[in-house]
Amino acid sequence: MTQLQAAQKGHMTPEMEIVAREEELSPENLRSLVKEGRVVIPANLNHKGLHPFGIGSPLRIKVNANIGTSPQNTDLDMELAKIKVIESLGAEALMDLSIAGDLDKIRQAVIKSTSLMVGTVPIYQVLTERTDDVASISPEMILETIERHGKQGVDFITVHCGLKQEALPLLDKRVMGIVSRGGSFLAKWMTVRNEENPLYTHFDQLCDIARTYDMTLSLGDGLRPGAVHDATDAAQLHELKVLGELVLRARKAGVQVMVEGPGHVPMCDVQKNMELQQEWCHGAPFYVLGPLTIDSAPGYDHIVGAIGGAWAAYHGASFLCYVTPAEHLRLPGPSDVREGVIASKIAARSADMALGIPSALRREEEMSQKRHSFDWEGMFALAVDPVKPRLYREKSTHVSEEECSMCGEFCALKMHQQDK
């Protein structure tokens, strides 16, 4: 049974018990959330050594980090090094977006190397293996690739099922057109073959595969806006409504499902986007890339994404896909991955705090207590990134003193304590 089917039958799985304990919820409360589809626990039956996490409201906000090879860099060791960085900073999931090299070998190595939830975009493998003749690709070839990912232990897959032929003319007024690789490929496939999106027409077969392995479907937004100018336009909203239809079909089939969202969205539109998704997609967990609130900060898009991510999470998003400083510029290296995870973890913690998650409230209060008592080791242990603040402290002229070098003897805390 899938996690959803087990919850529907009143069963508690080991994964539910772990999530309930870590989220400080009663097992029955957690089971009810899974049954309703408000929470998913991506946990492929073939992913050995997985540490499960729950995604959805009212749980803590989770963070995903992307890795993956490119035609210019197929170094598997570098991708595995990125995974170590991701794990060390407390992200809950990673996606292997490799598009070059031996993709099956890379994916198997990634899954074997980590206890984090692993996601993929199977259509990327179809694209790389058949890029020379798109017209020859059949729906059966796509489904076979998806099943291969399931057999290998992938916990969740992005599938761009909601992009339909009738939405393509709606792109004419966009600045950036289609920025999703999967979305662009499927649009080309539909145009070349003059057929409807195979992931939509074969959605029942897709659900059969997902159910077999308990592989969570992450309904991708192939028409997500790639510029703030294009946010919340007719094309994006058309696809979102289709995804809402598919959420119900997946749940009926016993398949766990979440929905992916934008993209590039100005701050004034973020709340509206989150509310529309919750309404149209029947409370399914919302997985957002950023969103990026401006387009003009190359090199700092991790900060832009964190701003949008915190705001989106406060208004209903459950899962934040990180953005690195290398976004739009190059393949990210381990240091870029580090910056991206930290920025998204800050966004997630900010939203958890604002939403009143008990563990988040306790952590921030404890941090303040450590700071008040000059407990530097305690502060480092609670920090999003324990490495950087320690390095700053070690390079301080006041490293042997209680206070820091900013105020020295005029430290407000010390003066206040002396007055008591």
Protein backbone atom coordinates (compact mmCIF):
# COMPACT_ATOMS: atom_id res chain seq x y z
CA MET A 1 0.00 0.00 0.00
CA THR A 2 1.00 3.61 -0.47
CA GLN A 3 1.15 5.94 2.50
CA LEU A 4 -2.15 7.41 1.28
CA GLN A 5 -3.86 4.03 0.99
CA ALA A 6 -2.61 3.01 4.43
CA ALA A 7 -3.97 6.21 5.95
CA GLN A 8 -7.31 5.71 4.19
CA LYS A 9 -7.56 2.23 5.71
CA GLY A 10 -6.72 3.51 9.20
CA HIS A 11 -3.22 2.01 9.29
CA MET A 12 -0.16 3.70 10.79
CA THR A 13 3.03 3.10 8.81
CA PRO A 14 6.53 3.30 10.34
CA GLU A 15 7.09 6.41 8.21
CA MET A 16 4.00 8.09 9.67
CA GLU A 17 5.19 7.30 13.18
CA ILE A 18 8.58 8.92 12.52
CA VAL A 19 7.03 12.03 10.97
CA ALA A 20 4.45 12.37 13.76
CA ARG A 21 7.15 12.16 16.42
CA GLU A 22 9.45 14.69 14.74
CA GLU A 23 6.59 17.10 14.01
CA GLU A 24 5.24 16.77 17.58
CA LEU A 25 1.83 15.64 16.36
CA SER A 26 -0.25 12.73 17.55
CA PRO A 27 0.02 9.72 15.20
CA GLU A 28 -3.72 9.87 14.57
CA ASN A 29 -3.56 13.56 13.67
CA LEU A 30 -0.75 12.89 11.23
CA ARG A 31 -2.57 9.92 9.70
CA SER A 32 -5.65 12.09 9.17
CA LEU A 33 -3.59 14.72 7.33
CA VAL A 34 -2.12 12.08 5.04
CA LYS A 35 -5.58 10.61 4.43
CA GLU A 36 -6.89 14.03 3.40
CA GLY A 37 -3.95 14.58 1.05
CA ARG A 38 -2.83 17.69 2.93
CA VAL A 39 0.43 15.93 3.86
CA VAL A 40 2.56 13.61 1.73
CA ILE A 41 5.43 11.41 2.86
CA PRO A 42 7.58 10.65 -0.22
CA ALA A 43 9.01 7.22 0.58
CA ASN A 44 9.63 4.84 -2.30
CA LEU A 45 9.44 1.21 -1.21
CA ASN A 46 12.82 0.62 -2.89
CA HIS A 47 14.72 3.48 -1.24
CA LYS A 48 16.66 1.67 1.45
CA GLY A 49 17.89 3.72 4.40
CA LEU A 50 15.49 6.59 3.74
CA HIS A 51 14.70 9.02 6.54
CA PRO A 52 11.12 10.07 5.81
CA PHE A 53 9.79 13.61 6.15
CA GLY A 54 6.28 14.93 5.85
CA ILE A 55 5.46 17.77 3.46
CA GLY A 56 2.34 19.88 3.91
CA SER A 57 0.41 22.07 6.29
CA PRO A 58 0.58 22.31 9.31
CA LEU A 59 4.05 20.70 9.36
CA ARG A 60 7.40 22.48 9.37
CA ILE A 61 8.43 23.97 6.02
CA LYS A 62 10.77 21.63 4.15
CA VAL A 63 13.65 22.48 1.79
CA ASN A 64 14.77 20.76 -1.40
CA ALA A 65 18.15 21.27 -3.08
CA ASN A 66 18.85 20.48 -6.73
CA ILE A 67 21.96 18.74 -8.00
CA GLY A 68 22.79 17.17 -11.35
CA THR A 69 25.23 16.92 -14.23
CA SER A 70 25.20 19.06 -17.36
CA PRO A 71 26.60 18.53 -20.88
CA GLN A 72 29.58 20.64 -19.79
CA ASN A 73 30.17 18.80 -16.50
CA THR A 74 29.50 15.11 -15.83
CA ASP A 75 31.62 14.80 -12.68
CA LEU A 76 29.68 12.42 -10.42
CA ASP A 77 32.08 12.98 -7.54
CA MET A 78 31.20 16.68 -7.51
CA GLU A 79 27.49 15.85 -7.37
CA LEU A 80 28.08 13.48 -4.46
CA ALA A 81 30.08 16.21 -2.71
CA LYS A 82 27.08 18.53 -3.11
CA ILE A 83 24.92 15.92 -1.38
CA LYS A 84 27.22 15.98 1.66
CA VAL A 85 26.81 19.76 1.84
CA ILE A 86 23.04 19.48 1.52
CA GLU A 87 22.86 16.89 4.29
CA SER A 88 25.12 18.86 6.63
CA LEU A 89 22.84 21.90 6.46
CA GLY A 90 19.61 20.06 7.21
CA ALA A 91 17.73 20.14 3.90
CA GLU A 92 15.13 17.39 3.77
CA ALA A 93 15.24 16.47 0.08
CA LEU A 94 17.30 16.70 -3.08
CA MET A 95 16.47 16.40 -6.75
CA ASP A 96 18.83 14.84 -9.28
CA LEU A 97 18.32 16.90 -12.43
CA SER A 98 21.18 15.29 -14.39
CA ILE A 99 21.03 15.71 -18.16
CA ALA A 100 24.40 14.24 -19.19
CA GLY A 101 26.42 11.10 -18.57
CA ASP A 102 25.12 7.66 -17.63
CA LEU A 103 21.88 8.83 -16.05
CA ASP A 104 20.90 5.46 -14.61
CA LYS A 105 24.30 5.04 -12.96
CA ILE A 106 24.25 8.59 -11.61
CA ARG A 107 20.75 8.20 -10.20
CA GLN A 108 21.57 4.88 -8.53
CA ALA A 109 24.67 6.41 -6.94
CA VAL A 110 22.69 9.40 -5.68
CA ILE A 111 19.94 7.27 -4.11
CA LYS A 112 22.47 4.92 -2.51
CA SER A 113 24.48 7.80 -1.07
CA THR A 114 21.78 9.56 0.94
CA SER A 115 18.98 9.07 3.44
CA LEU A 116 17.26 12.23 2.16
CA MET A 117 14.16 12.05 -0.01
CA VAL A 118 15.25 11.95 -3.67
CA GLY A 119 13.31 13.42 -6.56
CA THR A 120 13.86 13.38 -10.32
CA VAL A 121 12.33 14.64 -13.56
CA PRO A 122 12.08 11.51 -15.73
CA ILE A 123 11.26 13.47 -18.88
CA TYR A 124 14.84 14.83 -18.75
CA GLN A 125 16.14 11.33 -19.41
CA VAL A 126 13.75 10.93 -22.33
CA LEU A 127 14.93 14.30 -23.66
CA THR A 128 18.63 13.45 -23.43
CA GLU A 129 18.25 10.00 -24.94
CA ARG A 130 15.92 11.02 -27.80
CA THR A 131 16.77 14.64 -28.47
CA ASP A 132 17.66 13.86 -32.10
CA ASP A 133 14.15 12.65 -33.02
CA VAL A 134 11.39 14.03 -30.80
CA ALA A 135 8.66 12.79 -33.14
CA SER A 136 9.72 9.16 -32.56
CA ILE A 137 9.08 9.34 -28.81
CA SER A 138 5.96 7.44 -27.85
CA PRO A 139 3.96 7.75 -24.62
CA GLU A 140 5.05 4.19 -23.82
CA MET A 141 8.72 5.23 -23.94
CA ILE A 142 8.02 7.99 -21.44
CA LEU A 143 6.13 5.66 -19.10
CA GLU A 144 8.92 3.07 -19.32
CA THR A 145 11.44 5.69 -18.21
CA ILE A 146 9.20 6.72 -15.32
CA GLU A 147 8.93 3.10 -14.20
CA ARG A 148 12.72 2.79 -14.30
CA HIS A 149 12.99 5.68 -11.86
CA GLY A 150 10.42 4.02 -9.60
CA LYS A 151 12.25 0.70 -9.59
CA GLN A 152 15.50 2.43 -8.65
CA GLY A 153 13.95 4.03 -5.57
CA VAL A 154 13.09 7.61 -6.51
CA ASP A 155 10.76 9.04 -3.85
CA PHE A 156 9.05 11.78 -5.88
CA ILE A 157 8.98 12.75 -9.55
CA THR A 158 8.16 15.97 -11.31
CA VAL A 159 5.70 15.26 -14.12
CA HIS A 160 4.40 18.11 -16.27
CA CYS A 161 0.91 16.65 -16.72
CA GLY A 162 -1.07 19.89 -16.75
CA LEU A 163 0.41 21.54 -19.82
CA LYS A 164 -2.20 21.08 -22.56
CA GLN A 165 -2.25 22.04 -26.23
CA GLU A 166 -5.00 24.59 -25.69
CA ALA A 167 -2.73 26.59 -23.35
CA LEU A 168 0.11 27.12 -25.82
CA PRO A 169 -1.46 30.14 -27.62
CA LEU A 170 -1.73 31.86 -24.23
CA LEU A 171 2.07 32.28 -24.21
CA ASP A 172 2.09 34.94 -26.94
CA LYS A 173 2.13 37.89 -24.54
CA ARG A 174 4.98 36.57 -22.40
CA VAL A 175 8.43 38.07 -22.17
CA MET A 176 10.15 34.76 -21.39
CA GLY A 177 7.85 32.17 -22.93
CA ILE A 178 8.46 28.69 -21.48
CA VAL A 179 11.40 28.43 -19.06
CA SER A 180 10.76 24.89 -17.84
CA ARG A 181 12.94 22.34 -19.63
CA GLY A 182 10.27 19.69 -19.23
CA GLY A 183 7.54 22.07 -20.28
CA SER A 184 9.45 23.23 -23.36
CA PHE A 185 10.17 19.66 -24.42
CA LEU A 186 6.54 18.59 -24.06
CA ALA A 187 5.36 21.68 -25.95
CA LYS A 188 7.70 20.75 -28.78
CA TRP A 189 6.49 17.13 -28.68
CA MET A 190 2.84 18.23 -28.88
CA THR A 191 3.58 20.59 -31.77
CA VAL A 192 5.63 18.08 -33.77
CA ARG A 193 3.16 15.23 -33.33
CA ASN A 194 0.00 17.36 -33.10
CA GLU A 195 -1.10 15.31 -30.12
CA GLU A 196 -2.11 16.10 -26.55
CA ASN A 197 0.41 15.94 -23.72
CA PRO A 198 1.10 12.21 -23.17
CA LEU A 199 1.47 12.70 -19.42
CA TYR A 200 -2.10 14.02 -19.39
CA THR A 201 -3.63 11.45 -21.73
CA HIS A 202 -1.85 8.59 -19.95
CA PHE A 203 -2.32 9.90 -16.42
CA ASP A 204 -4.05 6.72 -15.25
CA GLN A 205 -1.09 4.60 -16.34
CA LEU A 206 1.23 7.07 -14.66
CA CYS A 207 -0.71 6.64 -11.42
CA ASP A 208 -0.46 2.85 -11.74
CA ILE A 209 3.34 3.13 -11.83
CA ALA A 210 3.48 5.63 -8.96
CA ARG A 211 1.21 3.48 -6.80
CA THR A 212 3.35 0.37 -7.39
CA TYR A 213 6.40 2.00 -5.78
CA ASP A 214 4.63 4.60 -3.62
CA MET A 215 6.36 7.28 -5.66
CA THR A 216 4.84 10.69 -4.92
CA LEU A 217 3.74 12.68 -7.95
CA SER A 218 4.93 16.27 -7.96
CA LEU A 219 2.72 17.88 -10.60
CA GLY A 220 5.12 20.20 -12.38
CA ASP A 221 4.34 23.66 -13.64
CA GLY A 222 5.65 23.53 -17.19
CA LEU A 223 4.23 27.00 -17.80
CA ARG A 224 5.64 28.61 -14.67
CA PRO A 225 6.56 32.27 -15.19
CA GLY A 226 10.24 32.89 -15.78
CA ALA A 227 9.91 36.65 -15.40
CA VAL A 228 7.94 38.76 -12.95
CA HIS A 229 6.21 40.32 -15.96
CA ASP A 230 4.69 36.91 -16.80
CA ALA A 231 3.48 36.03 -13.29
CA THR A 232 -0.11 34.97 -12.71
CA ASP A 233 -0.95 35.16 -16.42
CA ALA A 234 -3.54 33.16 -18.30
CA ALA A 235 -1.12 30.38 -19.26
CA GLN A 236 0.04 29.79 -15.70
CA LEU A 237 -3.49 29.78 -14.31
CA HIS A 238 -4.78 27.49 -17.07
CA GLU A 239 -2.21 24.88 -16.09
CA LEU A 240 -2.91 25.31 -12.38
CA LYS A 241 -6.59 24.51 -12.90
CA VAL A 242 -5.68 21.34 -14.79
CA LEU A 243 -3.35 20.34 -11.97
CA GLY A 244 -6.25 20.68 -9.53
CA GLU A 245 -8.22 18.18 -11.61
CA LEU A 246 -5.27 15.78 -11.58
CA VAL A 247 -4.83 16.07 -7.80
CA LEU A 248 -8.26 14.52 -7.33
CA ARG A 249 -7.56 11.79 -9.88
CA ALA A 250 -4.28 10.87 -8.20
CA ARG A 251 -5.84 10.71 -4.76
CA LYS A 252 -8.66 8.53 -6.08
CA ALA A 253 -6.00 6.18 -7.45
CA GLY A 254 -4.33 5.98 -4.02
CA VAL A 255 -1.30 8.02 -5.14
CA GLN A 256 0.34 10.73 -3.05
CA VAL A 257 0.46 14.05 -4.87
CA MET A 258 1.78 17.57 -4.45
CA VAL A 259 1.72 20.56 -6.79
CA GLU A 260 4.58 22.71 -8.04
CA GLY A 261 4.38 26.46 -8.36
CA PRO A 262 6.20 29.49 -9.68
CA GLY A 263 8.79 30.67 -10.49
CA HIS A 264 9.18 34.43 -10.78
CA VAL A 265 6.45 36.30 -8.89
CA PRO A 266 6.46 39.88 -7.55
CA MET A 267 5.77 40.12 -3.84
CA CYS A 268 2.37 41.66 -4.43
CA ASP A 269 1.25 38.49 -6.24
CA VAL A 270 2.71 35.83 -3.94
CA GLN A 271 -0.21 35.60 -1.53
CA LYS A 272 -2.73 35.42 -4.38
CA ASN A 273 -0.76 32.59 -6.00
CA MET A 274 -0.65 30.58 -2.78
CA GLU A 275 -4.36 31.06 -2.11
CA LEU A 276 -5.37 30.10 -5.65
CA GLN A 277 -3.30 26.93 -5.44
CA GLN A 278 -4.82 25.90 -2.13
CA GLU A 279 -8.33 26.50 -3.49
CA TRP A 280 -7.96 25.00 -6.96
CA CYS A 281 -5.70 22.12 -5.93
CA HIS A 282 -7.77 21.01 -2.95
CA GLY A 283 -5.20 21.65 -0.22
CA ALA A 284 -2.42 19.59 -1.82
CA PRO A 285 1.08 20.51 -0.56
CA PHE A 286 2.56 23.33 -2.64
CA TYR A 287 6.20 23.07 -3.81
CA VAL A 288 7.65 26.38 -5.03
CA LEU A 289 10.86 27.37 -6.78
CA GLY A 290 11.75 30.49 -4.84
CA PRO A 291 9.65 32.28 -5.91
CA LEU A 292 11.95 35.04 -7.14
CA THR A 293 10.44 38.44 -6.50
CA ILE A 294 12.64 40.41 -8.93
CA ASP A 295 14.59 39.48 -12.07
CA SER A 296 17.48 41.92 -11.72
CA ALA A 297 19.75 40.32 -9.10
CA PRO A 298 21.94 37.77 -10.91
CA GLY A 299 24.52 36.41 -8.50
CA TYR A 300 22.17 37.05 -5.59
CA ASP A 301 19.13 35.07 -6.65
CA HIS A 302 19.45 32.90 -3.52
CA ILE A 303 18.57 36.00 -1.50
CA VAL A 304 15.73 36.92 -3.86
CA GLY A 305 14.41 33.37 -3.65
CA ALA A 306 14.60 33.37 0.13
CA ILE A 307 12.54 36.56 0.32
CA GLY A 308 9.87 35.08 -1.94
CA GLY A 309 10.11 31.68 -0.27
CA ALA A 310 9.50 33.03 3.23
CA TRP A 311 6.49 35.01 2.04
CA ALA A 312 5.13 32.06 0.05
CA ALA A 313 5.57 29.64 2.97
CA TYR A 314 3.78 32.01 5.33
CA HIS A 315 0.83 32.08 2.92
CA GLY A 316 0.58 28.34 2.29
CA ALA A 317 3.58 26.82 0.49
CA SER A 318 4.94 23.71 2.21
CA PHE A 319 8.11 22.87 0.29
CA LEU A 320 10.78 25.33 -0.86
CA CYS A 321 13.11 24.50 -3.72
CA TYR A 322 16.33 26.33 -3.14
CA VAL A 323 17.85 28.84 -5.52
CA THR A 324 21.63 29.28 -5.62
CA PRO A 325 23.78 32.34 -6.44
CA ALA A 326 24.59 30.58 -9.72
CA GLU A 327 20.95 30.60 -10.90
CA HIS A 328 20.70 31.80 -14.51
CA LEU A 329 24.52 31.94 -14.73
CA ARG A 330 26.20 28.51 -14.51
CA LEU A 331 26.07 25.02 -13.04
CA PRO A 332 26.28 25.49 -9.26
CA GLY A 333 29.29 24.13 -7.41
CA PRO A 334 29.37 22.93 -3.79
CA SER A 335 29.87 26.47 -2.44
CA ASP A 336 26.84 27.71 -4.42
CA VAL A 337 24.81 24.79 -3.10
CA ARG A 338 25.82 25.75 0.43
CA GLU A 339 24.65 29.33 -0.01
CA GLY A 340 21.42 28.20 -1.63
CA VAL A 341 20.49 25.75 1.12
CA ILE A 342 21.28 28.27 3.87
CA ALA A 343 19.14 30.95 2.22
CA SER A 344 16.17 28.59 1.86
CA LYS A 345 16.57 27.25 5.39
CA ILE A 346 16.44 30.84 6.65
CA ALA A 347 13.22 31.33 4.67
CA ALA A 348 11.78 28.10 6.08
CA ARG A 349 12.71 28.99 9.66
CA SER A 350 11.27 32.48 9.24
CA ALA A 351 7.96 31.05 8.05
CA ASP A 352 7.89 28.39 10.79
CA MET A 353 8.39 31.11 13.37
CA ALA A 354 5.66 33.32 11.90
CA LEU A 355 3.27 30.35 11.69
CA GLY A 356 3.82 29.54 15.35
CA ILE A 357 5.37 26.09 14.92
CA PRO A 358 6.19 25.13 18.56
CA SER A 359 9.67 23.75 17.84
CA ALA A 360 10.54 26.91 15.89
CA LEU A 361 9.40 29.17 18.73
CA ARG A 362 11.48 27.17 21.22
CA ARG A 363 14.58 27.28 19.04
CA GLU A 364 14.50 31.05 18.60
CA GLU A 365 13.92 31.62 22.32
CA GLU A 366 16.77 29.27 23.17
CA MET A 367 19.03 31.15 20.76
CA SER A 368 18.23 34.40 22.52
CA GLN A 369 18.97 32.81 25.90
CA LYS A 370 22.34 31.56 24.62
CA ARG A 371 23.12 35.02 23.26
CA HIS A 372 22.11 36.67 26.52
CA SER A 373 24.44 34.42 28.49
CA PHE A 374 27.31 34.70 25.98
CA ASP A 375 27.12 30.96 25.33
CA TRP A 376 28.96 31.00 22.03
CA GLU A 377 29.06 27.22 21.56
CA GLY A 378 25.34 27.06 22.21
CA MET A 379 24.74 29.76 19.62
CA PHE A 380 26.80 27.94 17.01
CA ALA A 381 24.90 24.71 17.63
CA LEU A 382 21.53 26.40 17.03
CA ALA A 383 22.64 28.42 13.99
CA VAL A 384 21.34 27.66 10.50
CA ASP A 385 24.99 27.44 9.50
CA PRO A 386 27.26 26.53 12.43
CA VAL A 387 30.46 27.01 10.41
CA LYS A 388 30.43 30.68 9.36
CA PRO A 389 29.63 32.25 12.75
CA ARG A 390 32.38 30.17 14.38
CA LEU A 391 34.91 31.40 11.82
CA TYR A 392 33.83 35.00 12.40
CA ARG A 393 34.22 34.55 16.14
CA GLU A 394 37.63 32.90 15.84
CA LYS A 395 38.92 35.82 13.77
CA SER A 396 37.64 38.37 16.28
CA THR A 397 39.95 40.51 18.42
CA HIS A 398 37.70 39.61 21.39
CA VAL A 399 37.77 35.85 20.91
CA SER A 400 39.01 35.39 24.50
CA GLU A 401 36.33 37.68 25.94
CA GLU A 402 32.66 37.07 26.62
CA GLU A 403 31.46 39.88 24.40
CA CYS A 404 32.12 40.38 20.68
CA SER A 405 34.37 43.02 19.12
CA MET A 406 31.50 45.20 17.90
CA CYS A 407 30.92 46.95 21.22
CA GLY A 408 33.64 45.57 23.47
CA GLU A 409 33.34 46.98 27.00
CA PHE A 410 30.27 48.96 25.90
CA CYS A 411 28.28 45.78 25.24
CA ALA A 412 24.63 46.57 26.03
CA LEU A 413 24.06 43.19 27.66
CA LYS A 414 27.05 43.50 29.97
CA MET A 415 26.20 47.05 30.97
CA HIS A 416 22.63 46.04 31.75
CA GLN A 417 23.79 43.08 33.82
CA GLN A 418 26.19 45.29 35.76
CA ASP A 419 23.35 47.65 36.63
CA LYS A 420 21.42 44.86 38.38
